[in-house]
């Protein structure tokens, strides 16, 4: 005589409540407790229990338990399976052509059970990851690409890319159209330099929203000092070296004297977003211009009255569409107290600057003691000379065309001759032994005489304790010309 046996559902065995990639990981596994041991005959087919995953019917098929009172069913997660609201389980076992019998040989018909609440079990097969290294363009711009894999087609995605080094995010959205959705050319240039983190969320038309998928990528960088070595001190409103990842400036907000370090973006620019958020409508001045050479020769100014301006009443100070440190009086400037400049050594100085006004002298940089040379001593009427004031050793005044325009200057001393270049072209060359420096300490935008500093702006200043080669000098000019 045919009889049926009642079944009761025992448990749902999962490693966790959310099944994640890879899809080949632990399957959804169900164990059904029978009222007595049974034998499963698979000659005609395989029993199964139907699962609803995001509106799609999926079979959990019989895998083991014949001869016992515990039957195990399993479903291997497939790519595209998605149910962020929780799966549901049919309350019946479909024999699927197979036969379930008790040990006496009686077939069980229509076995059913009370289906449990599985709303807490979410199935999300998708992943998101950066597709490759961050792509650098010739102008330094940085672009990210990423792949969303195994997401259901037609689902919507949103993404956010952030940096470990600061606030701000790049965001976007789209629709999944393939099993491997490539999202390319996302401009991340403006994010603060640091490790980038990608966050992606999938949502289906039915309203299910998945968990956030993340990936991280370190951003590679190459700057001017990666091409031209041996700098002793280097200051800029851009990042100059892959080895340097610290802040570029420390600024002081005039309204409350609070100070903040300002770093660079992924592109290598000064982080204008952080600077302007901090300064708001207040004036901001530069308390420290950090040395990027690795030698810790920071240029500082502790006297608020002598600090260089960088932000004024809601506007960043700019030259050539880049931030600039502005000297409004001849006693403003920065001091590098620990630098050592030995007498008679060859040296090269590269600077990006602009002279706004000259009444007598306008020194781009000079000594902290009278024994040292005031190097780059600009005078009125577009003239330039170099010399040691206390020893009364000056070069002849030479014409510097366009001195009062925004300018790039590179100064080379080989031990016998001082040469000055403007935009890569030689404009002044003076044979003299007047440039034998000795001592330590260097002023930027002024000298020890406070009435002779330069009124204007500076954006980059690099000191090399060697005479650079022509190729290195051209590399500097190429880099500065492209950036500034």
Protein backbone atom coordinates (compact mmCIF):
# COMPACT_ATOMS: atom_id res chain seq x y z
CA UNK A 1 0.00 0.00 0.00
CA UNK A 2 1.27 3.47 -1.02
CA UNK A 3 1.66 5.92 1.85
CA UNK A 4 3.15 9.34 2.35
CA UNK A 5 5.47 10.58 4.99
CA UNK A 6 5.41 14.07 6.44
CA UNK A 7 8.53 16.21 6.07
CA UNK A 8 9.71 19.05 8.16
CA UNK A 9 12.29 21.71 7.23
CA UNK A 10 15.25 21.81 9.58
CA UNK A 11 17.86 24.42 8.59
CA UNK A 12 19.50 26.56 5.95
CA UNK A 13 23.25 26.01 6.01
CA UNK A 14 25.23 28.99 4.70
CA UNK A 15 28.60 30.45 5.54
CA UNK A 16 26.90 33.84 5.86
CA UNK A 17 23.68 35.63 5.11
CA UNK A 18 24.99 37.18 1.88
CA UNK A 19 26.45 35.04 -0.90
CA UNK A 20 29.23 36.95 -2.61
CA UNK A 21 31.60 36.44 -5.50
CA UNK A 22 33.05 34.25 -6.73
CA UNK A 23 29.90 32.47 -7.83
CA UNK A 24 31.71 29.14 -7.48
CA UNK A 25 32.00 29.72 -3.73
CA UNK A 26 29.80 27.95 -1.18
CA UNK A 27 26.38 27.13 -2.71
CA UNK A 28 23.05 27.66 -1.06
CA UNK A 29 22.52 24.41 0.89
CA UNK A 30 19.25 23.18 2.44
CA UNK A 31 18.75 20.15 4.73
CA UNK A 32 15.27 18.65 5.03
CA UNK A 33 14.51 16.35 8.00
CA UNK A 34 12.23 13.38 7.20
CA UNK A 35 10.05 11.63 9.76
CA UNK A 36 12.00 8.41 9.10
CA UNK A 37 14.93 7.24 6.92
CA UNK A 38 14.27 7.24 3.18
CA UNK A 39 15.91 6.04 -0.01
CA UNK A 40 16.19 8.35 -3.04
CA UNK A 41 15.91 6.61 -6.43
CA UNK A 42 17.47 8.81 -9.16
CA UNK A 43 16.77 6.47 -12.07
CA UNK A 44 14.03 8.71 -13.48
CA UNK A 45 15.31 12.12 -12.40
CA UNK A 46 16.56 14.25 -9.51
CA UNK A 47 14.34 15.73 -6.78
CA UNK A 48 14.55 19.49 -6.28
CA UNK A 49 13.18 22.40 -4.28
CA UNK A 50 12.47 25.66 -6.16
CA UNK A 51 13.96 28.94 -4.95
CA UNK A 52 12.85 32.44 -5.94
CA UNK A 53 15.95 34.61 -6.44
CA UNK A 54 15.02 38.13 -7.46
CA UNK A 55 11.93 36.91 -9.30
CA UNK A 56 13.75 34.12 -11.14
CA UNK A 57 12.98 30.47 -10.29
CA UNK A 58 16.12 28.48 -9.53
CA UNK A 59 16.26 24.75 -8.56
CA UNK A 60 18.08 23.50 -5.48
CA UNK A 61 18.71 19.86 -6.46
CA UNK A 62 19.16 16.78 -4.28
CA UNK A 63 22.83 16.03 -3.52
CA UNK A 64 22.92 13.51 -0.64
CA UNK A 65 21.17 11.77 2.29
CA UNK A 66 19.69 8.60 0.78
CA UNK A 67 19.34 5.96 3.49
CA UNK A 68 19.00 8.53 6.25
CA UNK A 69 16.30 10.87 7.51
CA UNK A 70 18.25 13.96 6.27
CA UNK A 71 18.09 14.98 2.60
CA UNK A 72 20.46 17.71 1.39
CA UNK A 73 19.62 20.03 -1.52
CA UNK A 74 21.99 22.61 -3.03
CA UNK A 75 21.99 25.44 -5.56
CA UNK A 76 25.17 26.72 -7.20
CA UNK A 77 25.02 30.50 -7.50
CA UNK A 78 25.08 31.70 -11.12
CA UNK A 79 26.49 34.92 -12.54
CA UNK A 80 23.74 37.52 -12.59
CA UNK A 81 21.84 36.08 -9.63
CA UNK A 82 20.69 39.01 -7.56
CA UNK A 83 18.21 39.30 -4.73
CA UNK A 84 18.95 42.08 -2.28
CA UNK A 85 15.54 41.73 -0.57
CA UNK A 86 15.95 38.08 0.45
CA UNK A 87 15.19 34.83 -1.34
CA UNK A 88 12.11 32.65 -0.83
CA UNK A 89 11.75 28.90 -0.84
CA UNK A 90 8.96 26.68 -2.19
CA UNK A 91 7.29 24.59 0.52
CA UNK A 92 7.37 21.41 -1.54
CA UNK A 93 9.85 18.87 -2.87
CA UNK A 94 9.44 18.25 -6.59
CA UNK A 95 10.49 14.60 -7.28
CA UNK A 96 11.65 15.68 -10.76
CA UNK A 97 11.09 12.17 -12.09
CA UNK A 98 12.90 10.56 -9.20
CA UNK A 99 11.28 8.57 -6.42
CA UNK A 100 11.64 8.93 -2.65
CA UNK A 101 10.77 5.69 -0.73
CA UNK A 102 10.80 4.58 2.87
CA UNK A 103 12.89 1.59 3.84
CA UNK A 104 9.88 -0.68 3.29
CA UNK A 105 9.75 0.42 -0.37
CA UNK A 106 6.72 2.67 -0.13
CA UNK A 107 6.94 5.77 -2.36
CA UNK A 108 6.27 9.12 -0.76
CA UNK A 109 3.92 11.40 -2.69
CA UNK A 110 3.59 15.15 -2.48
CA UNK A 111 6.02 15.72 0.37
CA UNK A 112 5.68 19.24 1.70
CA UNK A 113 6.94 21.41 4.54
CA UNK A 114 6.44 24.84 6.03
CA UNK A 115 8.88 27.12 4.18
CA UNK A 116 10.99 29.29 6.51
CA UNK A 117 11.43 33.05 6.30
CA UNK A 118 14.56 33.63 4.18
CA UNK A 119 14.21 37.39 3.75
CA UNK A 120 17.58 37.82 5.44
CA UNK A 121 19.38 35.73 2.83
CA UNK A 122 20.59 37.97 0.00
CA UNK A 123 22.25 36.75 -3.17
CA UNK A 124 24.58 39.23 -4.90
CA UNK A 125 27.02 37.81 -7.40
CA UNK A 126 28.52 41.02 -8.77
CA UNK A 127 32.00 42.39 -8.22
CA UNK A 128 33.67 45.71 -8.99
CA UNK A 129 37.40 46.32 -9.46
CA UNK A 130 39.78 48.75 -11.10
CA UNK A 131 40.51 47.51 -14.60
CA UNK A 132 44.16 48.63 -14.69
CA UNK A 133 46.61 51.12 -13.29
CA UNK A 134 45.52 54.75 -13.29
CA UNK A 135 46.14 56.12 -16.79
CA UNK A 136 48.39 59.18 -16.91
CA UNK A 137 48.12 61.62 -19.82
CA UNK A 138 50.98 63.77 -21.08
CA UNK A 139 49.60 66.79 -19.24
CA UNK A 140 49.51 64.87 -15.96
CA UNK A 141 45.76 64.28 -15.92
CA UNK A 142 44.78 60.95 -14.33
CA UNK A 143 41.94 58.66 -15.43
CA UNK A 144 40.57 55.51 -13.82
CA UNK A 145 38.71 52.59 -15.42
CA UNK A 146 36.87 49.80 -13.64
CA UNK A 147 34.85 46.65 -14.39
CA UNK A 148 31.54 45.54 -12.88
CA UNK A 149 31.33 41.79 -13.44
CA UNK A 150 28.46 39.30 -13.09
CA UNK A 151 25.76 41.87 -12.39
CA UNK A 152 22.22 41.37 -13.76
CA UNK A 153 21.73 43.14 -17.08
CA UNK A 154 19.37 46.08 -16.88
CA UNK A 155 20.34 46.85 -13.29
CA UNK A 156 21.46 50.36 -12.40
CA UNK A 157 24.86 51.04 -10.88
CA UNK A 158 26.29 54.00 -9.00
CA UNK A 159 29.95 54.51 -8.21
CA UNK A 160 32.17 56.70 -6.06
CA UNK A 161 35.97 57.08 -6.13
CA UNK A 162 37.67 58.65 -3.12
CA UNK A 163 41.24 59.20 -1.93
CA UNK A 164 42.79 58.08 1.34
CA UNK A 165 44.45 61.51 1.65
CA UNK A 166 41.52 63.91 1.69
CA UNK A 167 37.89 64.83 1.23
CA UNK A 168 36.05 64.92 -2.08
CA UNK A 169 34.79 62.22 -4.44
CA UNK A 170 34.21 61.48 -8.11
CA UNK A 171 30.77 59.96 -8.67
CA UNK A 172 28.72 58.59 -11.54
CA UNK A 173 25.98 56.17 -12.58
CA UNK A 174 24.90 53.94 -15.44
CA UNK A 175 23.06 50.80 -16.49
CA UNK A 176 24.49 47.28 -16.76
CA UNK A 177 24.41 46.12 -20.38
CA UNK A 178 26.82 43.18 -20.34
CA UNK A 179 28.19 40.47 -18.07
CA UNK A 180 31.41 42.46 -17.79
CA UNK A 181 30.59 46.18 -17.77
CA UNK A 182 33.63 48.41 -18.41
CA UNK A 183 33.42 51.97 -17.10
CA UNK A 184 36.36 53.94 -18.49
CA UNK A 185 37.99 57.35 -18.55
CA UNK A 186 36.81 58.58 -15.15
CA UNK A 187 38.82 61.74 -14.41
CA UNK A 188 40.29 61.48 -10.90
CA UNK A 189 42.89 64.23 -11.34
CA UNK A 190 41.32 66.50 -8.73
CA UNK A 191 41.29 64.03 -5.84
CA UNK A 192 43.93 64.41 -3.14
CA UNK A 193 47.03 62.30 -3.72
CA UNK A 194 46.79 58.95 -1.97
CA UNK A 195 45.36 55.48 -2.49
CA UNK A 196 42.10 55.54 -4.45
CA UNK A 197 39.09 53.49 -3.35
CA UNK A 198 36.30 52.48 -5.73
CA UNK A 199 32.81 51.84 -4.31
CA UNK A 200 30.02 50.40 -6.49
CA UNK A 201 26.38 49.61 -5.66
CA UNK A 202 23.90 47.73 -7.89
CA UNK A 203 20.10 48.22 -7.82
CA UNK A 204 17.57 46.25 -9.87
CA UNK A 205 14.40 47.66 -11.48
CA UNK A 206 12.42 45.71 -8.88
CA UNK A 207 13.95 47.86 -6.16
CA UNK A 208 16.57 45.56 -4.69
CA UNK A 209 19.81 47.30 -3.71
CA UNK A 210 23.00 45.32 -3.24
CA UNK A 211 25.87 45.71 -0.85
CA UNK A 212 28.74 48.03 -1.74
CA UNK A 213 31.60 46.42 -3.63
CA UNK A 214 35.02 48.05 -3.21
CA UNK A 215 38.51 47.96 -4.64
CA UNK A 216 41.66 50.03 -4.02
CA UNK A 217 44.53 51.12 -6.21
CA UNK A 218 47.78 52.93 -5.48
CA UNK A 219 48.40 55.81 -7.89
CA UNK A 220 51.79 55.96 -9.57
CA UNK A 221 53.37 59.38 -10.09
CA UNK A 222 56.40 60.82 -11.85
CA UNK A 223 57.54 64.42 -11.45
CA UNK A 224 60.31 66.75 -12.52
CA UNK A 225 62.71 65.58 -9.81
CA UNK A 226 62.33 61.99 -11.01
CA UNK A 227 63.99 63.14 -14.24
CA UNK A 228 66.46 65.69 -12.84
CA UNK A 229 68.25 64.42 -9.73
CA UNK A 230 70.42 65.84 -6.97
CA UNK A 231 68.31 68.77 -5.82
CA UNK A 232 69.27 70.10 -2.40
CA UNK A 233 66.03 72.01 -1.83
CA UNK A 234 62.84 72.09 -3.88
CA UNK A 235 59.64 74.11 -3.40
CA UNK A 236 56.63 74.27 -5.68
CA UNK A 237 52.87 74.63 -5.97
CA UNK A 238 52.94 71.23 -7.67
CA UNK A 239 54.26 67.84 -6.63
CA UNK A 240 57.81 67.36 -7.94
CA UNK A 241 58.79 63.82 -7.00
CA UNK A 242 57.28 60.35 -6.70
CA UNK A 243 59.31 59.92 -3.50
CA UNK A 244 57.56 62.87 -1.87
CA UNK A 245 53.97 62.44 -0.73
CA UNK A 246 53.75 65.10 1.97
CA UNK A 247 52.01 68.48 1.95
CA UNK A 248 53.16 71.29 -0.35
CA UNK A 249 52.30 74.25 1.87
CA UNK A 250 51.25 75.15 5.38
CA UNK A 251 48.87 78.11 5.33
CA UNK A 252 47.66 80.43 8.08
CA UNK A 253 44.11 81.79 8.06
CA UNK A 254 44.22 85.44 9.07
CA UNK A 255 40.81 85.63 10.77
CA UNK A 256 41.72 83.17 13.54
CA UNK A 257 45.42 82.31 12.93
CA UNK A 258 44.58 78.63 12.44
CA UNK A 259 47.03 76.72 10.26
CA UNK A 260 46.54 73.80 7.88
CA UNK A 261 48.82 71.69 5.67
CA UNK A 262 47.73 71.63 2.02
CA UNK A 263 48.78 68.68 -0.12
CA UNK A 264 48.62 67.80 -3.79
CA UNK A 265 45.99 66.16 -5.95
CA UNK A 266 46.35 62.91 -7.87
CA UNK A 267 47.43 65.00 -10.84
CA UNK A 268 50.11 66.67 -8.72
CA UNK A 269 48.46 70.10 -8.48
CA UNK A 270 48.09 72.00 -5.23
CA UNK A 271 44.83 70.85 -3.64
CA UNK A 272 42.86 74.02 -4.33
CA UNK A 273 39.61 72.52 -3.07
CA UNK A 274 41.01 71.95 0.43
CA UNK A 275 42.74 75.33 0.42
CA UNK A 276 39.65 77.29 -0.57
CA UNK A 277 37.44 75.35 1.83
CA UNK A 278 39.81 76.27 4.66
CA UNK A 279 40.36 79.92 3.72
CA UNK A 280 36.74 80.72 2.78
CA UNK A 281 36.44 84.52 2.61
CA UNK A 282 39.48 85.11 4.78
CA UNK A 283 43.04 85.93 3.73
CA UNK A 284 45.52 83.07 3.91
CA UNK A 285 49.30 83.34 4.12
CA UNK A 286 52.11 80.80 3.72
CA UNK A 287 53.77 79.84 6.98
CA UNK A 288 55.85 77.01 5.46
CA UNK A 289 56.80 76.00 1.93
CA UNK A 290 57.79 72.36 2.29
CA UNK A 291 61.00 71.03 0.77
CA UNK A 292 60.29 68.16 -1.63
CA UNK A 293 63.93 67.14 -2.12
CA UNK A 294 63.93 64.84 0.90
CA UNK A 295 66.51 67.00 2.71
CA UNK A 296 63.98 68.70 5.02
CA UNK A 297 65.07 72.19 4.02
CA UNK A 298 61.63 73.71 4.60
CA UNK A 299 61.27 77.42 3.86
CA UNK A 300 59.41 79.08 6.74
CA UNK A 301 58.22 82.44 7.95
CA UNK A 302 57.04 82.76 11.55
CA UNK A 303 56.35 86.49 11.44
CA UNK A 304 52.78 86.95 10.15
CA UNK A 305 53.69 90.40 8.80
CA UNK A 306 56.32 88.89 6.48
CA UNK A 307 54.38 85.89 5.20
CA UNK A 308 53.55 85.54 1.51
CA UNK A 309 49.90 85.79 0.47
CA UNK A 310 48.16 82.91 -1.30
CA UNK A 311 44.43 83.58 -0.79
CA UNK A 312 42.61 86.89 -0.50
CA UNK A 313 38.90 87.41 0.25
CA UNK A 314 37.62 84.28 -1.42
CA UNK A 315 40.08 84.24 -4.32
CA UNK A 316 43.17 82.12 -4.76
CA UNK A 317 46.22 84.10 -5.92
CA UNK A 318 47.05 82.95 -9.44
CA UNK A 319 49.76 83.40 -12.06
CA UNK A 320 49.60 81.59 -15.40
CA UNK A 321 46.38 79.95 -14.16
CA UNK A 322 48.27 78.25 -11.33
CA UNK A 323 48.41 79.14 -7.60
CA UNK A 324 51.17 81.54 -6.58
CA UNK A 325 52.84 82.84 -3.41
CA UNK A 326 52.64 86.62 -3.59
CA UNK A 327 54.94 89.16 -1.97
CA UNK A 328 53.20 92.52 -1.52
CA UNK A 329 56.04 94.26 0.33
CA UNK A 330 59.82 94.11 0.06
CA UNK A 331 60.24 92.68 3.54
CA UNK A 332 58.06 89.62 2.85
CA UNK A 333 59.76 86.32 2.23
CA UNK A 334 60.69 82.85 3.44
CA UNK A 335 63.82 81.61 5.19
CA UNK A 336 65.69 78.34 4.66
CA UNK A 337 67.87 78.44 7.75
CA UNK A 338 69.51 75.03 7.53
CA UNK A 339 70.76 75.00 3.95
CA UNK A 340 74.52 74.89 3.41
CA UNK A 341 76.15 76.62 0.44
CA UNK A 342 79.89 76.13 0.34
CA UNK A 343 82.17 78.69 -1.26
CA UNK A 344 83.22 78.13 -4.84
CA UNK A 345 80.89 75.21 -5.60
CA UNK A 346 79.02 75.05 -8.88
CA UNK A 347 75.28 75.42 -8.48
CA UNK A 348 72.02 75.82 -10.38
CA UNK A 349 68.84 77.58 -9.34
CA UNK A 350 65.56 77.22 -11.20
CA UNK A 351 62.62 79.48 -10.41
CA UNK A 352 59.17 80.25 -11.77
CA UNK A 353 58.33 83.80 -10.74
CA UNK A 354 56.94 87.14 -11.79
CA UNK A 355 58.14 90.64 -10.87
CA UNK A 356 55.24 93.02 -10.28
CA UNK A 357 57.14 96.12 -9.22
CA UNK A 358 60.75 97.33 -8.94
CA UNK A 359 61.77 100.63 -7.39
CA UNK A 360 65.45 99.87 -6.81
CA UNK A 361 66.32 96.26 -6.14
CA UNK A 362 64.11 93.17 -6.31
CA UNK A 363 65.89 90.07 -5.05
CA UNK A 364 64.41 86.72 -6.01
CA UNK A 365 66.68 85.04 -3.48
CA UNK A 366 69.59 86.14 -1.36
CA UNK A 367 71.81 85.55 1.61
CA UNK A 368 71.12 85.60 5.32
CA UNK A 369 74.61 87.01 5.94
CA UNK A 370 76.60 89.77 4.30
CA UNK A 371 79.31 87.38 3.13
CA UNK A 372 77.00 85.58 0.79
CA UNK A 373 76.03 86.47 -2.74
CA UNK A 374 72.69 88.10 -3.48
CA UNK A 375 71.92 85.97 -6.50
CA UNK A 376 69.24 87.22 -8.85
CA UNK A 377 69.30 90.91 -7.94
CA UNK A 378 66.80 92.57 -10.29
CA UNK A 379 66.89 96.32 -10.82
CA UNK A 380 64.62 98.85 -12.45
CA UNK A 381 64.14 99.19 -16.23
CA UNK A 382 64.20 95.49 -17.04
CA UNK A 383 67.79 95.08 -15.85
CA UNK A 384 69.40 92.27 -13.89
CA UNK A 385 72.68 91.84 -12.04
CA UNK A 386 74.25 89.43 -9.59
CA UNK A 387 76.70 90.16 -6.84
CA UNK A 388 77.87 90.29 -3.26
CA UNK A 389 76.70 93.59 -1.83
CA UNK A 390 79.06 93.80 1.15
CA UNK A 391 82.13 93.09 -0.99
CA UNK A 392 80.80 95.49 -3.64
CA UNK A 393 81.21 92.83 -6.30
CA UNK A 394 78.40 93.12 -8.82
CA UNK A 395 78.08 92.06 -12.40
CA UNK A 396 77.32 94.66 -14.99
CA UNK A 397 73.65 95.34 -15.43
CA UNK A 398 72.27 93.38 -18.35
CA UNK A 399 68.94 93.62 -20.11
CA UNK A 400 66.33 90.97 -19.24
CA UNK A 401 63.53 91.37 -21.78
CA UNK A 402 60.08 90.87 -20.30
CA UNK A 403 61.35 90.96 -16.73
CA UNK A 404 58.09 92.44 -15.47
CA UNK A 405 55.98 89.78 -17.14
CA UNK A 406 55.29 86.36 -15.70
CA UNK A 407 58.59 84.57 -16.15
CA UNK A 408 60.68 81.45 -15.74
CA UNK A 409 64.31 81.87 -14.80
CA UNK A 410 67.16 79.40 -14.51
CA UNK A 411 70.49 80.53 -13.06
CA UNK A 412 73.70 78.53 -13.49
CA UNK A 413 77.06 79.16 -11.80
CA UNK A 414 79.93 76.90 -12.91
CA UNK A 415 82.54 78.40 -10.59
CA UNK A 416 83.69 80.95 -13.15
CA UNK A 417 80.62 82.25 -14.87
CA UNK A 418 77.03 83.05 -14.00
CA UNK A 419 74.40 82.55 -16.69
CA UNK A 420 70.70 83.31 -16.61
CA UNK A 421 68.10 81.77 -18.87
CA UNK A 422 64.59 83.00 -19.59
CA UNK A 423 62.13 80.47 -21.05
CA UNK A 424 65.07 78.26 -21.98
CA UNK A 425 67.01 80.97 -23.81
CA UNK A 426 70.26 82.47 -22.53
CA UNK A 427 69.79 86.20 -21.81
CA UNK A 428 72.62 87.03 -19.40
CA UNK A 429 76.09 85.54 -19.00
CA UNK A 430 78.67 87.18 -16.75
CA UNK A 431 82.25 86.04 -16.16
CA UNK A 432 83.10 86.73 -12.52
CA UNK A 433 84.46 85.17 -9.38
CA UNK A 434 82.09 87.27 -7.31
CA UNK A 435 79.80 84.33 -6.70
CA UNK A 436 81.94 82.38 -4.25
CA UNK A 437 79.36 81.79 -1.53
CA UNK A 438 80.19 80.73 1.95
CA UNK A 439 78.04 80.13 5.00
CA UNK A 440 74.51 78.88 5.45
CA UNK A 441 70.99 80.20 5.21
CA UNK A 442 68.96 81.38 2.26
CA UNK A 443 66.12 83.86 1.81
CA UNK A 444 63.48 83.42 -0.87
CA UNK A 445 61.97 86.62 -2.33
CA UNK A 446 64.31 88.84 -0.31
CA UNK A 447 67.77 89.14 1.30
CA UNK A 448 69.03 90.20 4.71
CA UNK A 449 68.09 93.77 3.77
CA UNK A 450 64.33 93.86 4.25
CA UNK A 451 63.83 96.82 1.92
CA UNK A 452 65.18 94.94 -1.12
CA UNK A 453 62.91 91.94 -1.48
CA UNK A 454 61.00 91.25 -4.66
CA UNK A 455 57.43 92.49 -5.03
CA UNK A 456 55.81 89.84 -7.15
CA UNK A 457 55.01 86.14 -7.07
CA UNK A 458 56.84 82.82 -7.02
CA UNK A 459 55.50 79.36 -7.88
CA UNK A 460 58.57 77.14 -7.98
CA UNK A 461 62.11 77.33 -6.64
CA UNK A 462 64.65 74.49 -6.92
CA UNK A 463 68.27 74.65 -5.75
CA UNK A 464 70.84 72.17 -7.14
CA UNK A 465 74.33 72.02 -5.55
CA UNK A 466 75.78 71.16 -8.97
CA UNK A 467 75.99 72.61 -12.44
CA UNK A 468 73.29 70.83 -14.41
CA UNK A 469 73.95 69.50 -17.88
CA UNK A 470 72.33 71.08 -20.93
CA UNK A 471 69.98 68.08 -21.20
CA UNK A 472 68.91 68.48 -17.56
CA UNK A 473 68.43 72.21 -18.01
CA UNK A 474 66.26 71.57 -21.08
CA UNK A 475 64.26 68.96 -19.11
CA UNK A 476 63.52 71.57 -16.45
CA UNK A 477 62.47 74.14 -19.03
CA UNK A 478 60.27 71.60 -20.82
CA UNK A 479 58.54 70.61 -17.58
CA UNK A 480 58.00 74.16 -16.37
CA UNK A 481 56.89 75.36 -19.79
CA UNK A 482 54.30 72.59 -20.03
CA UNK A 483 52.97 73.11 -16.50
CA UNK A 484 53.15 76.87 -16.03
